Amino acid sequence: MSSDFEVVLRQEARRYLKRLDLVTQRRLVQALDELCSDPLKGDIRPLHGQSSVFRLRVGGYRIFFRVQFAKRVIFVEAIGPRGDVYK
């Protein structure tokens, strides 16, 4: 994952990603790669009540992340299926 921004995954997000099937892993990693070039482009919305946390929709999965523009870092907080990740 290289481009303008660096992506840092929390340990829980990394573990979840490794447990997924290879096709889904590739889709999510590709979405993270695209996020590196412009972290606010695509199907991205801020989470209600948490203005600094955004969600990226990738099919039935959601990626929750924070962006530090000054350091050019994207912190991935959580990855999960739509029904579970909001809990």
C-alpha atoms as a PDB file:
ATOM      1  CA  MET A   1       0.000   0.000   0.000  1.00  0.00           C
ATOM      2  CA  SER A   2       2.015   2.895  -1.244  1.00  0.00           C
ATOM      3  CA  SER A   3       1.034   6.320  -2.480  1.00  0.00           C
ATOM      4  CA  ASP A   4       0.508   9.710  -0.978  1.00  0.00           C
ATOM      5  CA  PHE A   5      -0.817   8.475   2.372  1.00  0.00           C
ATOM      6  CA  GLU A   6       0.426   5.623   4.531  1.00  0.00           C
ATOM      7  CA  VAL A   7      -2.169   3.137   5.803  1.00  0.00           C
ATOM      8  CA  VAL A   8      -1.785   1.791   9.353  1.00  0.00           C
ATOM      9  CA  LEU A   9      -4.102  -1.025  10.430  1.00  0.00           C
ATOM     10  CA  ARG A  10      -4.992  -1.657  14.055  1.00  0.00           C
ATOM     11  CA  GLN A  11      -4.135  -5.166  15.166  1.00  0.00           C
ATOM     12  CA  GLU A  12      -7.813  -6.206  15.269  1.00  0.00           C
ATOM     13  CA  ALA A  13      -8.376  -4.972  11.708  1.00  0.00           C
ATOM     14  CA  ARG A  14      -5.245  -6.771  10.481  1.00  0.00           C
ATOM     15  CA  ARG A  15      -6.341 -10.025  12.159  1.00  0.00           C
ATOM     16  CA  TYR A  16      -9.837  -9.772  10.683  1.00  0.00           C
ATOM     17  CA  LEU A  17      -8.458  -9.129   7.199  1.00  0.00           C
ATOM     18  CA  LYS A  18      -6.181 -12.192   7.400  1.00  0.00           C
ATOM     19  CA  ARG A  19      -9.137 -14.443   8.300  1.00  0.00           C
ATOM     20  CA  LEU A  20     -11.095 -13.528   5.165  1.00  0.00           C
ATOM     21  CA  ASP A  21     -11.014 -15.479   1.913  1.00  0.00           C
ATOM     22  CA  LEU A  22      -8.411 -14.379  -0.633  1.00  0.00           C
ATOM     23  CA  VAL A  23     -10.891 -12.742  -3.045  1.00  0.00           C
ATOM     24  CA  THR A  24     -12.382 -10.562  -0.288  1.00  0.00           C
ATOM     25  CA  GLN A  25      -8.920  -9.723   1.049  1.00  0.00           C
ATOM     26  CA  ARG A  26      -7.885  -8.493  -2.393  1.00  0.00           C
ATOM     27  CA  ARG A  27     -11.017  -6.344  -2.756  1.00  0.00           C
ATOM     28  CA  LEU A  28     -10.436  -4.706   0.619  1.00  0.00           C
ATOM     29  CA  VAL A  29      -6.685  -4.201   0.046  1.00  0.00           C
ATOM     30  CA  GLN A  30      -7.431  -2.665  -3.366  1.00  0.00           C
ATOM     31  CA  ALA A  31      -9.908  -0.279  -1.703  1.00  0.00           C
ATOM     32  CA  LEU A  32      -7.235   0.673   0.859  1.00  0.00           C
ATOM     33  CA  ASP A  33      -4.726   1.279  -1.946  1.00  0.00           C
ATOM     34  CA  GLU A  34      -7.185   3.619  -3.659  1.00  0.00           C
ATOM     35  CA  LEU A  35      -7.771   5.351  -0.323  1.00  0.00           C
ATOM     36  CA  CYS A  36      -4.048   6.215  -0.202  1.00  0.00           C
ATOM     37  CA  SER A  37      -4.262   8.552  -3.171  1.00  0.00           C
ATOM     38  CA  ASP A  38      -7.322  10.468  -1.899  1.00  0.00           C
ATOM     39  CA  PRO A  39      -8.687   9.491   1.524  1.00  0.00           C
ATOM     40  CA  LEU A  40     -12.003  11.296   1.048  1.00  0.00           C
ATOM     41  CA  LYS A  41     -12.857  10.109  -2.478  1.00  0.00           C
ATOM     42  CA  GLY A  42     -15.329   7.326  -3.106  1.00  0.00           C
ATOM     43  CA  ASP A  43     -18.199   5.975  -1.055  1.00  0.00           C
ATOM     44  CA  ILE A  44     -16.984   7.578   2.160  1.00  0.00           C
ATOM     45  CA  ARG A  45     -19.093   9.154   4.880  1.00  0.00           C
ATOM     46  CA  PRO A  46     -18.293  10.513   8.339  1.00  0.00           C
ATOM     47  CA  LEU A  47     -19.754   8.444  11.168  1.00  0.00           C
ATOM     48  CA  HIS A  48     -22.586  10.109  13.018  1.00  0.00           C
ATOM     49  CA  GLY A  49     -21.435  11.491  16.347  1.00  0.00           C
ATOM     50  CA  GLN A  50     -17.748  10.966  15.486  1.00  0.00           C
ATOM     51  CA  SER A  51     -16.667  13.648  13.052  1.00  0.00           C
ATOM     52  CA  SER A  52     -13.081  12.394  12.814  1.00  0.00           C
ATOM     53  CA  VAL A  53     -14.015   8.786  11.909  1.00  0.00           C
ATOM     54  CA  PHE A  54     -15.027   7.906   8.366  1.00  0.00           C
ATOM     55  CA  ARG A  55     -16.442   4.762   6.833  1.00  0.00           C
ATOM     56  CA  LEU A  56     -15.621   3.328   3.435  1.00  0.00           C
ATOM     57  CA  ARG A  57     -18.138   0.955   1.888  1.00  0.00           C
ATOM     58  CA  VAL A  58     -16.697  -1.999  -0.031  1.00  0.00           C
ATOM     59  CA  GLY A  59     -19.635  -4.177  -1.027  1.00  0.00           C
ATOM     60  CA  GLY A  60     -21.049  -5.694   2.155  1.00  0.00           C
ATOM     61  CA  TYR A  61     -17.994  -4.674   4.181  1.00  0.00           C
ATOM     62  CA  ARG A  62     -17.164  -1.448   5.959  1.00  0.00           C
ATOM     63  CA  ILE A  63     -13.770   0.035   6.752  1.00  0.00           C
ATOM     64  CA  PHE A  64     -13.683   2.592   9.571  1.00  0.00           C
ATOM     65  CA  PHE A  65     -10.707   4.933   9.526  1.00  0.00           C
ATOM     66  CA  ARG A  66      -9.255   8.225  10.745  1.00  0.00           C
ATOM     67  CA  VAL A  67      -7.065  10.526   8.674  1.00  0.00           C
ATOM     68  CA  GLN A  68      -4.190  12.644   9.941  1.00  0.00           C
ATOM     69  CA  PHE A  69      -3.626  14.986   7.024  1.00  0.00           C
ATOM     70  CA  ALA A  70      -0.579  16.677   8.566  1.00  0.00           C
ATOM     71  CA  LYS A  71       1.257  13.345   8.928  1.00  0.00           C
ATOM     72  CA  ARG A  72      -0.341  11.863   5.775  1.00  0.00           C
ATOM     73  CA  VAL A  73      -1.439   8.739   7.654  1.00  0.00           C
ATOM     74  CA  ILE A  74      -4.707   6.784   7.500  1.00  0.00           C
ATOM     75  CA  PHE A  75      -5.445   4.766  10.641  1.00  0.00           C
ATOM     76  CA  VAL A  76      -7.794   1.846   9.949  1.00  0.00           C
ATOM     77  CA  GLU A  77      -9.800   1.337  13.130  1.00  0.00           C
ATOM     78  CA  ALA A  78     -12.026  -1.582  12.083  1.00  0.00           C
ATOM     79  CA  ILE A  79     -12.992  -3.787   9.153  1.00  0.00           C
ATOM     80  CA  GLY A  80     -16.113  -5.929   9.155  1.00  0.00           C
ATOM     81  CA  PRO A  81     -19.418  -6.853   7.584  1.00  0.00           C
ATOM     82  CA  ARG A  82     -21.997  -4.097   7.495  1.00  0.00           C
ATOM     83  CA  GLY A  83     -24.260  -5.610  10.161  1.00  0.00           C
ATOM     84  CA  ASP A  84     -21.514  -6.262  12.711  1.00  0.00           C
ATOM     85  CA  VAL A  85     -19.030  -3.412  12.431  1.00  0.00           C
ATOM     86  CA  TYR A  86     -21.445  -0.696  13.604  1.00  0.00           C
ATOM     87  CA  LYS A  87     -22.010  -2.433  16.971  1.00  0.00           C
END
